[in-house]
Amino acid sequence: MSVAHTPDQNHLLAAMPTAEFERLVAHLELVSMPLGDVLCESGGKLQHVYFPTTAIVSLQYVMENGASSEVAGVGNEGLLGISLFMGGETTPTQAIVQTGGHGYRIKTALMMAEFNRSGPVMRLLLRYTQALLTQMSQTAACNRHHSVEQQLCRWLLLTLDRLPSNELTMTQELIAGMLGVRREGITEAAGRLQQAGLIRYRRGHITVLDRKGLGDHACECYEVVKKEFDRLLCDMRNCHAIPGTIK
């Protein structure tokens, strides 16, 4: 059964006021985003801004020896391309599709033209940038101060927030690469979560059986990131008169 794709499946696009949304829709292109597809190399320039809908993009820092770790993820809550709005054009991170799916893209020149109108789209994208920076800083703190099990719980919960089901297709080796830890550490952590009845793992598939329990096992980092996204990215169509929200 085919799944209907619409731009407002991306929460950032859905949060735009009607006039701005309709202006952008005319230029959006639906694209397939297969697992492992590299959308931007470290130091490269994006030709398009991407709005994932069912795909998830991992922003990874790659070391000189080839080792890498995820600094942030981008799913249906956001976009790939904040370096354009910040004036840097390039970033040291690599953007690779972590979970295959679909999304929409728009040429960078068209997106920048909308941003430079200095209207609601600019304010929304700046708020998203702040939320993404919160995710990056919280990831750095989590990787330094919390256990592998807590990091795994945080990563699973953030990934689930971007998916329509409680199932993930991801090997332990790939997760270890995302978190920048040894594969054995992920195996042990996943084993403890499975023994606790929180997840089921088999052949590269993870099913979350008890999301609340997973949240109880996670550190505070997941809630910090989630609350900041919720605070900053309220639906612009419905928060015109709320103090402190986007106007």
Protein backbone atom coordinates (compact mmCIF):
# COMPACT_ATOMS: atom_id res chain seq x y z
CA MET A 1 0.00 0.00 0.00
CA SER A 2 1.55 3.30 -1.07
CA VAL A 3 1.94 6.11 1.43
CA ALA A 4 0.79 9.59 0.47
CA HIS A 5 3.50 12.23 0.89
CA THR A 6 2.71 15.84 1.75
CA PRO A 7 5.06 18.69 2.73
CA ASP A 8 3.25 19.35 6.00
CA GLN A 9 4.45 15.97 7.27
CA ASN A 10 7.55 17.98 8.08
CA HIS A 11 6.76 19.86 11.29
CA LEU A 12 8.87 22.87 10.40
CA LEU A 13 7.02 23.37 7.14
CA ALA A 14 3.71 22.75 8.89
CA ALA A 15 4.56 25.45 11.44
CA MET A 16 4.84 28.15 8.79
CA PRO A 17 2.00 30.62 8.28
CA THR A 18 -0.25 29.77 5.34
CA ALA A 19 1.05 32.44 2.96
CA GLU A 20 4.70 31.50 3.46
CA PHE A 21 3.93 27.78 3.33
CA GLU A 22 2.07 28.09 0.02
CA ARG A 23 4.86 30.20 -1.45
CA LEU A 24 7.44 27.53 -0.65
CA VAL A 25 5.31 24.54 -1.67
CA ALA A 26 5.47 25.60 -5.31
CA HIS A 27 9.23 24.99 -5.26
CA LEU A 28 9.46 21.86 -3.09
CA GLU A 29 10.55 18.61 -4.71
CA LEU A 30 9.71 15.21 -3.20
CA VAL A 31 12.86 13.06 -3.08
CA SER A 32 13.77 9.56 -1.95
CA MET A 33 16.41 9.51 0.79
CA PRO A 34 17.86 5.97 0.90
CA LEU A 35 19.78 4.61 3.90
CA GLY A 36 23.46 5.56 3.76
CA ASP A 37 23.02 8.33 1.20
CA VAL A 38 25.50 11.16 1.88
CA LEU A 39 23.68 14.46 1.37
CA CYS A 40 26.68 16.62 2.19
CA GLU A 41 30.34 15.89 2.86
CA SER A 42 32.31 17.68 5.53
CA GLY A 43 33.18 21.11 4.20
CA GLY A 44 30.87 20.73 1.22
CA LYS A 45 28.25 23.20 0.03
CA LEU A 46 24.61 22.18 -0.08
CA GLN A 47 22.82 22.71 -3.38
CA HIS A 48 19.46 22.10 -1.70
CA VAL A 49 17.87 22.53 1.71
CA TYR A 50 16.24 19.27 2.83
CA PHE A 51 13.04 18.86 4.88
CA PRO A 52 12.82 15.17 5.89
CA THR A 53 9.38 13.64 6.35
CA THR A 54 9.94 9.91 6.87
CA ALA A 55 13.75 9.87 6.62
CA ILE A 56 16.23 10.75 9.37
CA VAL A 57 19.56 12.43 8.66
CA SER A 58 22.54 12.05 10.98
CA LEU A 59 25.01 14.92 11.32
CA GLN A 60 28.37 13.32 12.06
CA TYR A 61 31.82 14.63 12.79
CA VAL A 62 34.43 12.49 11.05
CA MET A 63 37.93 12.39 12.54
CA GLU A 64 41.14 12.20 10.53
CA ASN A 65 41.46 8.47 11.32
CA GLY A 66 37.98 7.79 9.96
CA ALA A 67 36.24 7.46 13.32
CA SER A 68 32.98 9.36 13.63
CA SER A 69 30.20 10.20 16.04
CA GLU A 70 26.82 11.87 15.72
CA VAL A 71 26.48 15.44 16.92
CA ALA A 72 22.77 15.76 16.06
CA GLY A 73 19.94 14.18 14.13
CA VAL A 74 17.43 15.78 11.78
CA GLY A 75 14.06 14.23 11.07
CA ASN A 76 10.53 15.43 10.42
CA GLU A 77 10.97 18.13 13.06
CA GLY A 78 13.49 20.15 11.08
CA LEU A 79 15.74 20.71 8.09
CA LEU A 80 19.23 20.16 6.79
CA GLY A 81 20.97 23.40 5.86
CA ILE A 82 21.23 25.79 8.82
CA SER A 83 24.79 26.76 7.79
CA LEU A 84 23.24 28.76 4.95
CA PHE A 85 21.21 30.92 7.30
CA MET A 86 24.15 31.46 9.67
CA GLY A 87 26.36 32.81 6.87
CA GLY A 88 28.98 30.05 6.94
CA GLU A 89 27.72 28.10 3.91
CA THR A 90 29.72 24.99 4.93
CA THR A 91 30.10 22.94 8.13
CA PRO A 92 32.67 20.39 9.35
CA THR A 93 29.96 17.74 9.73
CA GLN A 94 28.91 15.08 7.26
CA ALA A 95 25.18 14.62 6.61
CA ILE A 96 24.26 10.98 6.01
CA VAL A 97 20.83 9.32 5.90
CA GLN A 98 20.46 7.22 9.06
CA THR A 99 16.93 5.98 8.39
CA GLY A 100 15.80 5.67 4.80
CA GLY A 101 12.61 7.38 3.70
CA HIS A 102 11.48 10.50 1.92
CA GLY A 103 11.66 14.22 2.26
CA TYR A 104 11.34 17.45 0.31
CA ARG A 105 14.10 19.66 -0.98
CA ILE A 106 14.31 23.17 -2.33
CA LYS A 107 17.15 24.96 -4.10
CA THR A 108 19.29 26.94 -1.68
CA ALA A 109 18.84 30.21 -3.61
CA LEU A 110 15.06 29.99 -3.33
CA MET A 111 15.20 29.16 0.38
CA MET A 112 17.60 32.00 1.05
CA ALA A 113 15.34 34.42 -0.83
CA GLU A 114 12.50 33.47 1.54
CA PHE A 115 14.78 33.77 4.57
CA ASN A 116 15.97 37.20 3.48
CA ARG A 117 12.42 38.52 3.48
CA SER A 118 13.07 38.88 7.23
CA GLY A 119 9.58 37.67 8.04
CA PRO A 120 8.06 34.69 9.85
CA VAL A 121 10.18 32.12 7.99
CA MET A 122 13.41 33.78 9.14
CA ARG A 123 12.23 33.88 12.75
CA LEU A 124 11.11 30.25 12.63
CA LEU A 125 14.39 29.06 11.12
CA LEU A 126 16.43 30.97 13.70
CA ARG A 127 14.40 29.33 16.45
CA TYR A 128 15.01 25.94 14.88
CA THR A 129 18.72 26.71 14.77
CA GLN A 130 18.69 27.46 18.49
CA ALA A 131 16.88 24.17 19.16
CA LEU A 132 19.39 22.25 17.03
CA LEU A 133 22.30 23.88 18.88
CA THR A 134 20.69 22.75 22.13
CA GLN A 135 20.61 19.19 20.79
CA MET A 136 24.29 19.41 19.83
CA SER A 137 25.44 20.81 23.17
CA GLN A 138 23.33 18.33 25.12
CA THR A 139 24.74 15.46 23.06
CA ALA A 140 28.29 16.57 23.91
CA ALA A 141 27.46 16.74 27.63
CA CYS A 142 25.64 13.39 27.55
CA ASN A 143 28.52 11.62 25.81
CA ARG A 144 30.91 12.91 28.47
CA HIS A 145 28.91 12.40 31.65
CA HIS A 146 26.38 9.60 31.14
CA SER A 147 26.60 5.85 30.72
CA VAL A 148 26.37 4.08 27.37
CA GLU A 149 22.99 2.69 28.44
CA GLN A 150 21.67 6.20 29.13
CA GLN A 151 23.06 7.47 25.83
CA LEU A 152 21.40 4.58 24.00
CA CYS A 153 18.05 5.35 25.67
CA ARG A 154 18.34 9.03 24.69
CA TRP A 155 19.20 8.13 21.10
CA LEU A 156 16.36 5.61 20.81
CA LEU A 157 13.80 8.07 22.17
CA LEU A 158 14.90 10.91 19.88
CA THR A 159 14.78 8.52 16.92
CA LEU A 160 11.32 7.24 17.85
CA ASP A 161 10.01 10.81 17.98
CA ARG A 162 10.76 11.05 14.25
CA LEU A 163 9.18 7.72 13.25
CA PRO A 164 5.54 6.62 12.85
CA SER A 165 6.11 3.28 14.64
CA ASN A 166 8.04 1.78 17.55
CA GLU A 167 10.37 -0.19 15.27
CA LEU A 168 13.83 0.81 14.11
CA THR A 169 16.02 -0.83 11.49
CA MET A 170 19.52 -0.32 12.83
CA THR A 171 22.43 -2.62 13.64
CA GLN A 172 24.35 -2.34 16.90
CA GLU A 173 27.47 -1.53 14.89
CA LEU A 174 25.78 1.49 13.30
CA ILE A 175 24.46 2.70 16.66
CA ALA A 176 27.93 2.37 18.15
CA GLY A 177 29.26 4.51 15.31
CA MET A 178 26.56 7.12 15.93
CA LEU A 179 27.40 7.36 19.63
CA GLY A 180 31.14 7.05 19.14
CA VAL A 181 31.47 4.07 21.49
CA ARG A 182 32.65 0.48 21.18
CA ARG A 183 30.19 -2.01 19.68
CA GLU A 184 30.58 -4.21 22.76
CA GLY A 185 29.26 -1.37 24.89
CA ILE A 186 26.10 -1.14 22.78
CA THR A 187 25.67 -4.93 22.90
CA GLU A 188 25.83 -4.91 26.69
CA ALA A 189 23.53 -1.89 27.04
CA ALA A 190 20.97 -3.29 24.58
CA GLY A 191 21.10 -6.62 26.38
CA ARG A 192 20.25 -5.00 29.71
CA LEU A 193 17.36 -3.06 28.15
CA GLN A 194 16.06 -6.26 26.57
CA GLN A 195 16.30 -8.16 29.86
CA ALA A 196 14.32 -5.36 31.49
CA GLY A 197 11.56 -5.85 28.89
CA LEU A 198 12.02 -2.39 27.37
CA ILE A 199 13.16 -3.41 23.89
CA ARG A 200 13.43 -6.44 21.65
CA TYR A 201 16.45 -6.75 19.40
CA ARG A 202 16.96 -9.16 16.52
CA ARG A 203 18.91 -9.09 13.25
CA GLY A 204 19.30 -5.35 12.97
CA HIS A 205 15.75 -4.59 14.12
CA ILE A 206 14.90 -2.90 17.41
CA THR A 207 11.34 -2.85 18.72
CA VAL A 208 10.59 -0.59 21.69
CA LEU A 209 8.18 -2.46 23.95
CA ASP A 210 7.96 0.02 26.85
CA ARG A 211 8.56 3.61 25.87
CA LYS A 212 7.80 4.99 29.34
CA GLY A 213 10.24 2.55 30.86
CA LEU A 214 12.84 3.59 28.32
CA GLY A 215 12.29 7.18 29.35
CA ASP A 216 12.76 6.24 33.00
CA HIS A 217 16.12 4.68 32.13
CA ALA A 218 17.28 7.68 30.10
CA CYS A 219 19.21 10.61 31.52
CA GLU A 220 17.77 14.13 31.63
CA CYS A 221 19.28 14.96 28.23
CA TYR A 222 16.33 13.62 26.22
CA GLU A 223 13.80 15.78 28.08
CA VAL A 224 16.02 18.87 27.84
CA VAL A 225 16.19 18.57 24.05
CA LYS A 226 12.51 17.70 23.66
CA LYS A 227 11.30 20.59 25.83
CA GLU A 228 13.50 23.07 23.98
CA PHE A 229 12.15 21.97 20.60
CA ASP A 230 8.57 22.16 21.93
CA ARG A 231 9.20 25.61 23.43
CA LEU A 232 10.82 27.12 20.36
CA LEU A 233 8.87 25.49 17.56
CA CYS A 234 5.24 25.96 18.47
CA ASP A 235 2.87 26.04 15.52
CA MET A 236 3.13 29.58 14.14
CA ARG A 237 -0.40 29.30 12.80
CA ASN A 238 -1.77 28.96 16.33
CA CYS A 239 0.39 31.16 18.55
CA HIS A 240 -0.19 34.70 17.39
CA ALA A 241 -1.23 36.12 20.74
CA ILE A 242 0.80 34.04 23.20
CA PRO A 243 3.50 36.11 24.93
CA GLY A 244 7.01 34.87 24.17
CA THR A 245 5.98 32.91 21.07
CA ILE A 246 6.67 33.60 17.42
CA LYS A 247 4.57 36.43 16.03
